[in-house]
Amino acid sequence: MSAKPWIIAMACAVGLASCGETLGEQLIYGAGAGAAGAVVTDGDVATGAVVGAAANAAYCQANPGACRNP
């Protein structure tokens, strides 16, 4: 079994689990997760970073407190 699916799954989980306290942190964490996912899947890193940043910010803004520790 290839490790690639597990790496992709972990990158996605980390991206979803790291909202951050501010919009800037959300963008940075999402960009990092998106870029990592693009590297693993041999995609365009810049596109992955942009999509990851937008997706993480959208998720975290729509679900405030979903990723915060109690």
PDB file of N, CA and C in Angstrom:
ATOM      1  N   MET A   1       0.841  -1.185   0.000  1.00  0.00           N
ATOM      2  CA  MET A   1       0.000   0.000   0.000  1.00  0.00           C
ATOM      3  C   MET A   1       0.881   1.241   0.000  1.00  0.00           C
ATOM      4  N   SER A   2       0.536   2.160  -0.822  1.00  0.00           N
ATOM      5  CA  SER A   2       1.304   3.397  -0.944  1.00  0.00           C
ATOM      6  C   SER A   2       1.034   4.336   0.231  1.00  0.00           C
ATOM      7  N   ALA A   3       2.040   5.087   0.610  1.00  0.00           N
ATOM      8  CA  ALA A   3       1.899   6.045   1.709  1.00  0.00           C
ATOM      9  C   ALA A   3       1.256   7.347   1.242  1.00  0.00           C
ATOM     10  N   LYS A   4       1.191   7.555  -0.056  1.00  0.00           N
ATOM     11  CA  LYS A   4       0.679   8.818  -0.589  1.00  0.00           C
ATOM     12  C   LYS A   4      -0.746   9.148  -0.126  1.00  0.00           C
ATOM     13  N   PRO A   5      -1.703   8.213  -0.143  1.00  0.00           N
ATOM     14  CA  PRO A   5      -3.046   8.554   0.342  1.00  0.00           C
ATOM     15  C   PRO A   5      -3.063   8.961   1.807  1.00  0.00           C
ATOM     16  N   TRP A   6      -2.213   8.321   2.605  1.00  0.00           N
ATOM     17  CA  TRP A   6      -2.162   8.677   4.023  1.00  0.00           C
ATOM     18  C   TRP A   6      -1.587  10.076   4.220  1.00  0.00           C
ATOM     19  N   ILE A   7      -0.590  10.433   3.452  1.00  0.00           N
ATOM     20  CA  ILE A   7      -0.001  11.766   3.546  1.00  0.00           C
ATOM     21  C   ILE A   7      -1.023  12.814   3.147  1.00  0.00           C
ATOM     22  N   ILE A   8      -1.773  12.564   2.096  1.00  0.00           N
ATOM     23  CA  ILE A   8      -2.809  13.500   1.666  1.00  0.00           C
ATOM     24  C   ILE A   8      -3.880  13.638   2.732  1.00  0.00           C
ATOM     25  N   ALA A   9      -4.303  12.530   3.297  1.00  0.00           N
ATOM     26  CA  ALA A   9      -5.331  12.571   4.347  1.00  0.00           C
ATOM     27  C   ALA A   9      -4.842  13.356   5.560  1.00  0.00           C
ATOM     28  N   MET A  10      -3.607  13.156   5.952  1.00  0.00           N
ATOM     29  CA  MET A  10      -3.070  13.880   7.103  1.00  0.00           C
ATOM     30  C   MET A  10      -2.946  15.374   6.813  1.00  0.00           C
ATOM     31  N   ALA A  11      -2.536  15.727   5.607  1.00  0.00           N
ATOM     32  CA  ALA A  11      -2.436  17.139   5.250  1.00  0.00           C
ATOM     33  C   ALA A  11      -3.805  17.807   5.297  1.00  0.00           C
ATOM     34  N   CYS A  12      -4.810  17.119   4.827  1.00  0.00           N
ATOM     35  CA  CYS A  12      -6.171  17.661   4.882  1.00  0.00           C
ATOM     36  C   CYS A  12      -6.652  17.794   6.317  1.00  0.00           C
ATOM     37  N   ALA A  13      -6.363  16.811   7.133  1.00  0.00           N
ATOM     38  CA  ALA A  13      -6.783  16.859   8.537  1.00  0.00           C
ATOM     39  C   ALA A  13      -6.101  18.003   9.263  1.00  0.00           C
ATOM     40  N   VAL A  14      -4.824  18.197   9.017  1.00  0.00           N
ATOM     41  CA  VAL A  14      -4.102  19.297   9.651  1.00  0.00           C
ATOM     42  C   VAL A  14      -4.680  20.633   9.193  1.00  0.00           C
ATOM     43  N   GLY A  15      -4.992  20.740   7.932  1.00  0.00           N
ATOM     44  CA  GLY A  15      -5.568  21.978   7.414  1.00  0.00           C
ATOM     45  C   GLY A  15      -6.900  22.305   8.058  1.00  0.00           C
ATOM     46  N   LEU A  16      -7.719  21.306   8.262  1.00  0.00           N
ATOM     47  CA  LEU A  16      -9.024  21.531   8.879  1.00  0.00           C
ATOM     48  C   LEU A  16      -8.923  21.754  10.380  1.00  0.00           C
ATOM     49  N   ALA A  17      -7.898  21.231  10.991  1.00  0.00           N
ATOM     50  CA  ALA A  17      -7.778  21.325  12.448  1.00  0.00           C
ATOM     51  C   ALA A  17      -7.045  22.573  12.899  1.00  0.00           C
ATOM     52  N   SER A  18      -6.619  23.406  11.990  1.00  0.00           N
ATOM     53  CA  SER A  18      -5.805  24.556  12.378  1.00  0.00           C
ATOM     54  C   SER A  18      -6.418  25.861  11.888  1.00  0.00           C
ATOM     55  N   CYS A  19      -7.533  26.245  12.479  1.00  0.00           N
ATOM     56  CA  CYS A  19      -8.187  27.468  12.047  1.00  0.00           C
ATOM     57  C   CYS A  19      -7.373  28.709  12.370  1.00  0.00           C
ATOM     58  N   GLY A  20      -6.851  28.809  13.561  1.00  0.00           N
ATOM     59  CA  GLY A  20      -6.164  30.020  13.961  1.00  0.00           C
ATOM     60  C   GLY A  20      -7.136  31.006  14.578  1.00  0.00           C
ATOM     61  N   GLU A  21      -6.595  31.963  15.280  1.00  0.00           N
ATOM     62  CA  GLU A  21      -7.419  32.940  15.986  1.00  0.00           C
ATOM     63  C   GLU A  21      -7.839  34.105  15.088  1.00  0.00           C
ATOM     64  N   THR A  22      -7.012  34.476  14.135  1.00  0.00           N
ATOM     65  CA  THR A  22      -7.293  35.631  13.282  1.00  0.00           C
ATOM     66  C   THR A  22      -7.436  35.188  11.825  1.00  0.00           C
ATOM     67  N   LEU A  23      -7.975  36.074  11.005  1.00  0.00           N
ATOM     68  CA  LEU A  23      -8.106  35.767   9.581  1.00  0.00           C
ATOM     69  C   LEU A  23      -6.733  35.532   8.952  1.00  0.00           C
ATOM     70  N   GLY A  24      -5.746  36.296   9.364  1.00  0.00           N
ATOM     71  CA  GLY A  24      -4.387  36.111   8.834  1.00  0.00           C
ATOM     72  C   GLY A  24      -3.844  34.727   9.124  1.00  0.00           C
ATOM     73  N   GLU A  25      -4.046  34.251  10.361  1.00  0.00           N
ATOM     74  CA  GLU A  25      -3.602  32.907  10.711  1.00  0.00           C
ATOM     75  C   GLU A  25      -4.356  31.860   9.902  1.00  0.00           C
ATOM     76  N   GLN A  26      -5.625  32.062   9.702  1.00  0.00           N
ATOM     77  CA  GLN A  26      -6.424  31.125   8.921  1.00  0.00           C
ATOM     78  C   GLN A  26      -5.908  31.044   7.494  1.00  0.00           C
ATOM     79  N   LEU A  27      -5.572  32.179   6.925  1.00  0.00           N
ATOM     80  CA  LEU A  27      -5.049  32.197   5.559  1.00  0.00           C
ATOM     81  C   LEU A  27      -3.696  31.503   5.470  1.00  0.00           C
ATOM     82  N   ILE A  28      -2.834  31.762   6.456  1.00  0.00           N
ATOM     83  CA  ILE A  28      -1.499  31.168   6.445  1.00  0.00           C
ATOM     84  C   ILE A  28      -1.569  29.660   6.629  1.00  0.00           C
ATOM     85  N   TYR A  29      -2.368  29.203   7.597  1.00  0.00           N
ATOM     86  CA  TYR A  29      -2.486  27.761   7.838  1.00  0.00           C
ATOM     87  C   TYR A  29      -3.090  27.059   6.625  1.00  0.00           C
ATOM     88  N   GLY A  30      -4.108  27.658   6.047  1.00  0.00           N
ATOM     89  CA  GLY A  30      -4.733  27.066   4.866  1.00  0.00           C
ATOM     90  C   GLY A  30      -3.793  27.023   3.680  1.00  0.00           C
ATOM     91  N   ALA A  31      -3.027  28.102   3.506  1.00  0.00           N
ATOM     92  CA  ALA A  31      -2.068  28.137   2.401  1.00  0.00           C
ATOM     93  C   ALA A  31      -1.008  27.057   2.572  1.00  0.00           C
ATOM     94  N   GLY A  32      -0.556  26.862   3.789  1.00  0.00           N
ATOM     95  CA  GLY A  32       0.441  25.822   4.045  1.00  0.00           C
ATOM     96  C   GLY A  32      -0.099  24.437   3.757  1.00  0.00           C
ATOM     97  N   ALA A  33      -1.318  24.180   4.221  1.00  0.00           N
ATOM     98  CA  ALA A  33      -1.926  22.874   3.970  1.00  0.00           C
ATOM     99  C   ALA A  33      -2.181  22.664   2.478  1.00  0.00           C
ATOM    100  N   GLY A  34      -2.637  23.699   1.795  1.00  0.00           N
ATOM    101  CA  GLY A  34      -2.895  23.587   0.361  1.00  0.00           C
ATOM    102  C   GLY A  34      -1.620  23.372  -0.439  1.00  0.00           C
ATOM    103  N   ALA A  35      -0.564  24.087  -0.065  1.00  0.00           N
ATOM    104  CA  ALA A  35       0.712  23.922  -0.755  1.00  0.00           C
ATOM    105  C   ALA A  35       1.275  22.526  -0.513  1.00  0.00           C
ATOM    106  N   ALA A  36       1.159  22.033   0.720  1.00  0.00           N
ATOM    107  CA  ALA A  36       1.642  20.681   1.029  1.00  0.00           C
ATOM    108  C   ALA A  36       0.863  19.630   0.238  1.00  0.00           C
ATOM    109  N   GLY A  37      -0.436  19.813   0.156  1.00  0.00           N
ATOM    110  CA  GLY A  37      -1.246  18.885  -0.621  1.00  0.00           C
ATOM    111  C   GLY A  37      -0.870  18.906  -2.094  1.00  0.00           C
ATOM    112  N   ALA A  38      -0.557  20.085  -2.613  1.00  0.00           N
ATOM    113  CA  ALA A  38      -0.162  20.192  -4.018  1.00  0.00           C
ATOM    114  C   ALA A  38       1.182  19.521  -4.268  1.00  0.00           C
ATOM    115  N   VAL A  39       2.097  19.649  -3.325  1.00  0.00           N
ATOM    116  CA  VAL A  39       3.393  18.995  -3.479  1.00  0.00           C
ATOM    117  C   VAL A  39       3.225  17.479  -3.512  1.00  0.00           C
ATOM    118  N   VAL A  40       2.404  16.970  -2.609  1.00  0.00           N
ATOM    119  CA  VAL A  40       2.196  15.522  -2.521  1.00  0.00           C
ATOM    120  C   VAL A  40       1.515  14.979  -3.769  1.00  0.00           C
ATOM    121  N   THR A  41       0.595  15.742  -4.330  1.00  0.00           N
ATOM    122  CA  THR A  41      -0.152  15.271  -5.500  1.00  0.00           C
ATOM    123  C   THR A  41       0.455  15.728  -6.819  1.00  0.00           C
ATOM    124  N   ASP A  42       1.646  16.298  -6.767  1.00  0.00           N
ATOM    125  CA  ASP A  42       2.334  16.808  -7.957  1.00  0.00           C
ATOM    126  C   ASP A  42       1.530  17.882  -8.670  1.00  0.00           C
ATOM    127  N   GLY A  43       0.818  18.706  -7.908  1.00  0.00           N
ATOM    128  CA  GLY A  43       0.045  19.806  -8.471  1.00  0.00           C
ATOM    129  C   GLY A  43       0.827  21.106  -8.420  1.00  0.00           C
ATOM    130  N   ASP A  44       0.184  22.171  -8.827  1.00  0.00           N
ATOM    131  CA  ASP A  44       0.791  23.496  -8.805  1.00  0.00           C
ATOM    132  C   ASP A  44       0.754  24.022  -7.369  1.00  0.00           C
ATOM    133  N   VAL A  45       1.906  24.313  -6.800  1.00  0.00           N
ATOM    134  CA  VAL A  45       2.011  24.721  -5.401  1.00  0.00           C
ATOM    135  C   VAL A  45       1.308  26.052  -5.155  1.00  0.00           C
ATOM    136  N   ALA A  46       1.467  27.004  -6.066  1.00  0.00           N
ATOM    137  CA  ALA A  46       0.833  28.319  -5.879  1.00  0.00           C
ATOM    138  C   ALA A  46      -0.687  28.190  -5.895  1.00  0.00           C
ATOM    139  N   THR A  47      -1.207  27.417  -6.807  1.00  0.00           N
ATOM    140  CA  THR A  47      -2.655  27.203  -6.863  1.00  0.00           C
ATOM    141  C   THR A  47      -3.138  26.493  -5.606  1.00  0.00           C
ATOM    142  N   GLY A  48      -2.400  25.500  -5.162  1.00  0.00           N
ATOM    143  CA  GLY A  48      -2.756  24.795  -3.940  1.00  0.00           C
ATOM    144  C   GLY A  48      -2.784  25.722  -2.737  1.00  0.00           C
ATOM    145  N   ALA A  49      -1.823  26.629  -2.658  1.00  0.00           N
ATOM    146  CA  ALA A  49      -1.770  27.577  -1.551  1.00  0.00           C
ATOM    147  C   ALA A  49      -2.959  28.525  -1.574  1.00  0.00           C
ATOM    148  N   VAL A  50      -3.310  29.016  -2.745  1.00  0.00           N
ATOM    149  CA  VAL A  50      -4.444  29.936  -2.863  1.00  0.00           C
ATOM    150  C   VAL A  50      -5.751  29.229  -2.514  1.00  0.00           C
ATOM    151  N   VAL A  51      -5.944  28.052  -3.062  1.00  0.00           N
ATOM    152  CA  VAL A  51      -7.171  27.302  -2.795  1.00  0.00           C
ATOM    153  C   VAL A  51      -7.237  26.904  -1.317  1.00  0.00           C
ATOM    154  N   GLY A  52      -6.129  26.466  -0.756  1.00  0.00           N
ATOM    155  CA  GLY A  52      -6.102  26.094   0.657  1.00  0.00           C
ATOM    156  C   GLY A  52      -6.401  27.265   1.573  1.00  0.00           C
ATOM    157  N   ALA A  53      -5.821  28.428   1.268  1.00  0.00           N
ATOM    158  CA  ALA A  53      -6.072  29.614   2.083  1.00  0.00           C
ATOM    159  C   ALA A  53      -7.542  30.010   2.027  1.00  0.00           C
ATOM    160  N   ALA A  54      -8.101  30.014   0.835  1.00  0.00           N
ATOM    161  CA  ALA A  54      -9.508  30.397   0.685  1.00  0.00           C
ATOM    162  C   ALA A  54     -10.429  29.391   1.376  1.00  0.00           C
ATOM    163  N   ALA A  55     -10.139  28.113   1.212  1.00  0.00           N
ATOM    164  CA  ALA A  55     -10.993  27.084   1.806  1.00  0.00           C
ATOM    165  C   ALA A  55     -10.927  27.120   3.328  1.00  0.00           C
ATOM    166  N   ASN A  56      -9.733  27.262   3.880  1.00  0.00           N
ATOM    167  CA  ASN A  56      -9.603  27.283   5.334  1.00  0.00           C
ATOM    168  C   ASN A  56     -10.266  28.521   5.918  1.00  0.00           C
ATOM    169  N   ALA A  57     -10.065  29.668   5.300  1.00  0.00           N
ATOM    170  CA  ALA A  57     -10.692  30.895   5.803  1.00  0.00           C
ATOM    171  C   ALA A  57     -12.215  30.782   5.717  1.00  0.00           C
ATOM    172  N   ALA A  58     -12.721  30.254   4.612  1.00  0.00           N
ATOM    173  CA  ALA A  58     -14.172  30.111   4.462  1.00  0.00           C
ATOM    174  C   ALA A  58     -14.739  29.172   5.518  1.00  0.00           C
ATOM    175  N   TYR A  59     -14.072  28.052   5.739  1.00  0.00           N
ATOM    176  CA  TYR A  59     -14.546  27.090   6.734  1.00  0.00           C
ATOM    177  C   TYR A  59     -14.510  27.694   8.132  1.00  0.00           C
ATOM    178  N   CYS A  60     -13.400  28.308   8.476  1.00  0.00           N
ATOM    179  CA  CYS A  60     -13.245  28.846   9.829  1.00  0.00           C
ATOM    180  C   CYS A  60     -14.181  30.026  10.084  1.00  0.00           C
ATOM    181  N   GLN A  61     -14.433  30.827   9.077  1.00  0.00           N
ATOM    182  CA  GLN A  61     -15.360  31.951   9.233  1.00  0.00           C
ATOM    183  C   GLN A  61     -16.800  31.456   9.357  1.00  0.00           C
ATOM    184  N   ALA A  62     -17.132  30.397   8.646  1.00  0.00           N
ATOM    185  CA  ALA A  62     -18.485  29.844   8.705  1.00  0.00           C
ATOM    186  C   ALA A  62     -18.735  29.054   9.982  1.00  0.00           C
ATOM    187  N   ASN A  63     -17.665  28.544  10.582  1.00  0.00           N
ATOM    188  CA  ASN A  63     -17.772  27.723  11.797  1.00  0.00           C
ATOM    189  C   ASN A  63     -16.861  28.277  12.892  1.00  0.00           C
ATOM    190  N   PRO A  64     -17.147  29.463  13.399  1.00  0.00           N
ATOM    191  CA  PRO A  64     -16.256  30.030  14.424  1.00  0.00           C
ATOM    192  C   PRO A  64     -16.259  29.156  15.682  1.00  0.00           C
ATOM    193  N   GLY A  65     -15.110  28.839  16.156  1.00  0.00           N
ATOM    194  CA  GLY A  65     -14.995  28.013  17.341  1.00  0.00           C
ATOM    195  C   GLY A  65     -14.951  26.531  17.065  1.00  0.00           C
ATOM    196  N   ALA A  66     -15.114  26.109  15.820  1.00  0.00           N
ATOM    197  CA  ALA A  66     -15.095  24.681  15.491  1.00  0.00           C
ATOM    198  C   ALA A  66     -13.709  24.084  15.700  1.00  0.00           C
ATOM    199  N   CYS A  67     -12.694  24.879  15.556  1.00  0.00           N
ATOM    200  CA  CYS A  67     -11.325  24.353  15.641  1.00  0.00           C
ATOM    201  C   CYS A  67     -10.598  24.834  16.896  1.00  0.00           C
ATOM    202  N   ARG A  68     -11.230  25.580  17.727  1.00  0.00           N
ATOM    203  CA  ARG A  68     -10.549  26.108  18.899  1.00  0.00           C
ATOM    204  C   ARG A  68     -10.549  25.083  20.022  1.00  0.00           C
ATOM    205  N   ASN A  69      -9.456  25.077  20.771  1.00  0.00           N
ATOM    206  CA  ASN A  69      -9.362  24.188  21.941  1.00  0.00           C
ATOM    207  C   ASN A  69     -10.155  24.788  23.096  1.00  0.00           C
ATOM    208  N   PRO A  70     -10.823  23.972  23.889  1.00  0.00           N
ATOM    209  CA  PRO A  70     -11.606  24.498  25.023  1.00  0.00           C
ATOM    210  C   PRO A  70     -10.733  25.102  26.095  1.00  0.00           C
TER     211      PRO A  70
END
